[in-house]
Amino acid sequence: MDPEKIAKLKAQAAANRIGGKGTVRRKVVRKTKPSGAQDDKKLQGALKKLNVQPIPGVEEVNMFREDGNVLHFSAPKVHAAVSANTFAVYGAGQVKELTELVPGILNQLGPDSLASLRKLAESYQAIQQNQKRPSAGDDDDDDVPDLVENFDAAVNIEEKPAEETKEDNLEELN
């Protein structure tokens, strides 16, 4: 082989060298992909252990929360194991206000549910009133006098009649 050709190849190899003796080893960092499919497999495995059966034809599911909002699932997957008293509802859920869903869900409720809905509406109104009360407390601040440098003198002024306070104020300033 030609010594010039070998020198040329060595120069090219040195320019393209990434690793070799004396270089720092780089660890390969593998980025984990979102394991949505893996979570679904775990869920299916847990449901299979409970011997659940799918319930077809469920169009929507509404879960009433204590704060007056509703967790609404449209077109969810529903599985049930009646022997274990277990129901699994999964899908895309949205938190909505009760007032948004009331007209559409009244025909789905039975007589027992209407009574509980009425109680829920009353508690929702109470929550709304409690949220409005702190803003009403701001009006009471009008009765509180502004702070002055000499607080004790301001207290004495309020306790004395108007004629005496003018004289006392003049004395205090001198």
Protein backbone atom coordinates (compact mmCIF):
# COMPACT_ATOMS: atom_id res chain seq x y z
CA MET A 1 0.00 0.00 0.00
CA ASP A 2 0.95 3.52 -0.55
CA PRO A 3 2.27 5.37 2.55
CA GLU A 4 0.64 8.59 1.34
CA LYS A 5 -2.72 6.87 1.03
CA ILE A 6 -2.41 5.42 4.56
CA ALA A 7 -1.53 8.85 6.00
CA LYS A 8 -4.52 10.37 4.21
CA LEU A 9 -6.88 7.67 5.64
CA LYS A 10 -5.47 8.20 9.16
CA ALA A 11 -6.06 11.96 8.90
CA GLN A 12 -9.66 11.38 7.80
CA ALA A 13 -10.20 8.86 10.63
CA ALA A 14 -8.78 11.30 13.20
CA ALA A 15 -11.12 14.05 11.99
CA ASN A 16 -14.15 11.77 12.26
CA ARG A 17 -13.16 10.17 15.54
CA ILE A 18 -15.93 10.29 18.16
CA GLY A 19 -14.60 8.01 20.82
CA GLY A 20 -11.44 6.18 21.58
CA LYS A 21 -8.78 5.97 24.22
CA GLY A 22 -8.98 8.74 26.80
CA THR A 23 -12.45 10.07 25.85
CA VAL A 24 -15.36 10.25 28.25
CA ARG A 25 -17.92 7.52 27.89
CA ARG A 26 -21.36 8.82 27.19
CA LYS A 27 -24.33 7.05 28.67
CA VAL A 28 -27.31 6.54 26.44
CA VAL A 29 -30.34 8.20 28.02
CA ARG A 30 -33.49 6.54 26.81
CA LYS A 31 -36.59 8.66 26.95
CA THR A 32 -39.62 6.79 28.19
CA LYS A 33 -42.72 7.11 26.14
CA PRO A 34 -46.04 7.81 27.84
CA SER A 35 -47.27 4.44 29.01
CA GLY A 36 -50.97 4.96 28.31
CA ALA A 37 -51.22 1.56 26.68
CA GLN A 38 -49.37 -0.03 29.59
CA ASP A 39 -51.75 1.52 32.13
CA ASP A 40 -54.68 0.25 30.09
CA LYS A 41 -53.22 -3.27 30.15
CA LYS A 42 -52.81 -3.10 33.93
CA LEU A 43 -56.39 -1.90 34.29
CA GLN A 44 -57.66 -4.71 32.07
CA GLY A 45 -55.66 -7.24 34.11
CA ALA A 46 -57.11 -5.96 37.38
CA LEU A 47 -60.63 -6.01 35.95
CA LYS A 48 -60.15 -9.55 34.66
CA LYS A 49 -59.18 -10.71 38.18
CA LEU A 50 -62.50 -9.33 39.46
CA ASN A 51 -64.34 -11.16 36.67
CA VAL A 52 -66.06 -8.04 35.35
CA GLN A 53 -68.34 -8.01 32.34
CA PRO A 54 -68.73 -5.06 29.97
CA ILE A 55 -72.07 -3.23 29.97
CA PRO A 56 -72.90 -2.12 26.44
CA GLY A 57 -75.07 0.84 25.46
CA VAL A 58 -74.07 3.33 28.17
CA GLU A 59 -74.22 6.77 26.57
CA GLU A 60 -73.15 8.92 29.50
CA VAL A 61 -72.24 8.73 33.18
CA ASN A 62 -72.63 11.58 35.69
CA MET A 63 -70.98 11.52 39.13
CA PHE A 64 -72.08 14.20 41.56
CA ARG A 65 -69.31 15.70 43.67
CA GLU A 66 -69.66 17.30 47.11
CA ASP A 67 -68.62 20.74 45.87
CA GLY A 68 -71.67 20.93 43.59
CA ASN A 69 -69.85 20.07 40.37
CA VAL A 70 -70.50 16.99 38.23
CA LEU A 71 -67.94 14.62 36.74
CA HIS A 72 -69.41 13.94 33.29
CA PHE A 73 -68.34 11.05 31.03
CA SER A 74 -69.75 11.00 27.52
CA ALA A 75 -69.56 7.58 25.79
CA PRO A 76 -67.57 5.86 28.58
CA LYS A 77 -66.56 2.22 28.83
CA VAL A 78 -68.41 0.60 31.72
CA HIS A 79 -67.61 -2.77 33.29
CA ALA A 80 -69.37 -4.35 36.26
CA ALA A 81 -68.82 -7.22 38.68
CA VAL A 82 -72.09 -7.51 40.55
CA SER A 83 -70.79 -10.24 42.87
CA ALA A 84 -67.93 -7.96 44.01
CA ASN A 85 -70.17 -4.83 43.99
CA THR A 86 -67.65 -3.19 41.66
CA PHE A 87 -68.24 -0.89 38.72
CA ALA A 88 -65.49 0.50 36.51
CA VAL A 89 -66.15 3.61 34.45
CA TYR A 90 -63.34 4.92 32.31
CA GLY A 91 -63.03 7.33 29.46
CA ALA A 92 -62.57 11.06 28.99
CA GLY A 93 -64.21 12.79 31.97
CA GLN A 94 -64.96 16.48 32.32
CA VAL A 95 -65.82 18.49 35.42
CA LYS A 96 -68.93 20.56 34.72
CA GLU A 97 -71.22 22.79 36.73
CA LEU A 98 -74.48 21.23 37.88
CA THR A 99 -76.43 24.02 36.19
CA GLU A 100 -75.00 23.04 32.78
CA LEU A 101 -76.40 19.50 32.98
CA VAL A 102 -79.69 19.96 34.88
CA PRO A 103 -82.12 20.16 31.96
CA GLY A 104 -80.67 17.08 30.25
CA ILE A 105 -80.41 14.81 33.29
CA LEU A 106 -83.81 15.37 34.91
CA ASN A 107 -85.48 12.68 32.79
CA GLN A 108 -82.75 10.18 33.79
CA LEU A 109 -83.32 10.57 37.53
CA GLY A 110 -85.70 8.51 39.60
CA PRO A 111 -87.82 9.74 42.55
CA ASP A 112 -85.05 9.02 45.09
CA SER A 113 -82.50 10.85 42.98
CA LEU A 114 -84.74 13.91 42.66
CA ALA A 115 -84.80 14.28 46.44
CA SER A 116 -81.02 14.00 46.63
CA LEU A 117 -80.71 16.43 43.71
CA ARG A 118 -82.86 18.91 45.61
CA LYS A 119 -80.61 18.57 48.68
CA LEU A 120 -77.58 18.99 46.45
CA ALA A 121 -79.05 22.13 44.90
CA GLU A 122 -79.71 23.57 48.38
CA SER A 123 -76.15 22.85 49.48
CA TYR A 124 -74.89 24.37 46.22
CA GLN A 125 -76.87 27.54 46.93
CA ALA A 126 -75.44 27.63 50.45
CA ILE A 127 -71.92 27.36 49.02
CA GLN A 128 -72.65 30.22 46.64
CA GLN A 129 -73.97 32.38 49.49
CA ASN A 130 -70.90 31.62 51.63
CA GLN A 131 -68.65 32.74 48.80
CA LYS A 132 -70.54 36.03 48.53
CA ARG A 133 -70.38 36.80 52.26
CA PRO A 134 -66.71 37.83 52.48
CA SER A 135 -67.25 40.50 49.84
CA ALA A 136 -70.17 41.86 51.92
CA GLY A 137 -67.77 42.22 54.90
CA ASP A 138 -65.87 44.93 53.04
CA ASP A 139 -68.72 47.40 53.74
CA ASP A 140 -68.05 47.14 57.50
CA ASP A 141 -64.63 48.75 57.03
CA ASP A 142 -66.28 52.17 56.67
CA ASP A 143 -66.92 52.30 60.44
CA VAL A 144 -63.25 51.77 61.34
CA PRO A 145 -61.36 55.08 61.69
CA ASP A 146 -58.02 55.58 59.96
CA LEU A 147 -54.92 55.11 62.08
CA VAL A 148 -53.13 58.24 63.21
CA GLU A 149 -49.68 58.74 64.64
CA ASN A 150 -50.87 59.15 68.22
CA PHE A 151 -53.40 56.32 68.62
CA ASP A 152 -54.27 57.06 72.28
CA ALA A 153 -55.12 60.67 71.46
CA ALA A 154 -57.44 59.52 68.65
CA VAL A 155 -59.26 57.22 71.07
CA ASN A 156 -59.68 60.08 73.57
CA ILE A 157 -61.02 62.35 70.83
CA GLU A 158 -63.78 59.90 69.93
CA GLU A 159 -64.86 59.54 73.55
CA LYS A 160 -65.11 63.30 74.33
CA PRO A 161 -67.78 65.70 73.03
CA ALA A 162 -66.89 67.84 70.01
CA GLU A 163 -66.29 71.13 71.92
CA GLU A 164 -63.81 69.57 74.33
CA THR A 165 -61.86 67.82 71.58
CA LYS A 166 -61.05 71.08 69.79
CA GLU A 167 -59.56 72.51 72.96
CA ASP A 168 -57.64 69.30 73.73
CA ASN A 169 -56.27 69.10 70.22
CA LEU A 170 -54.91 72.64 70.50
CA GLU A 171 -53.29 71.80 73.83
CA GLU A 172 -51.72 68.62 72.50
CA LEU A 173 -50.24 70.42 69.50
CA ASN A 174 -48.59 73.05 71.75
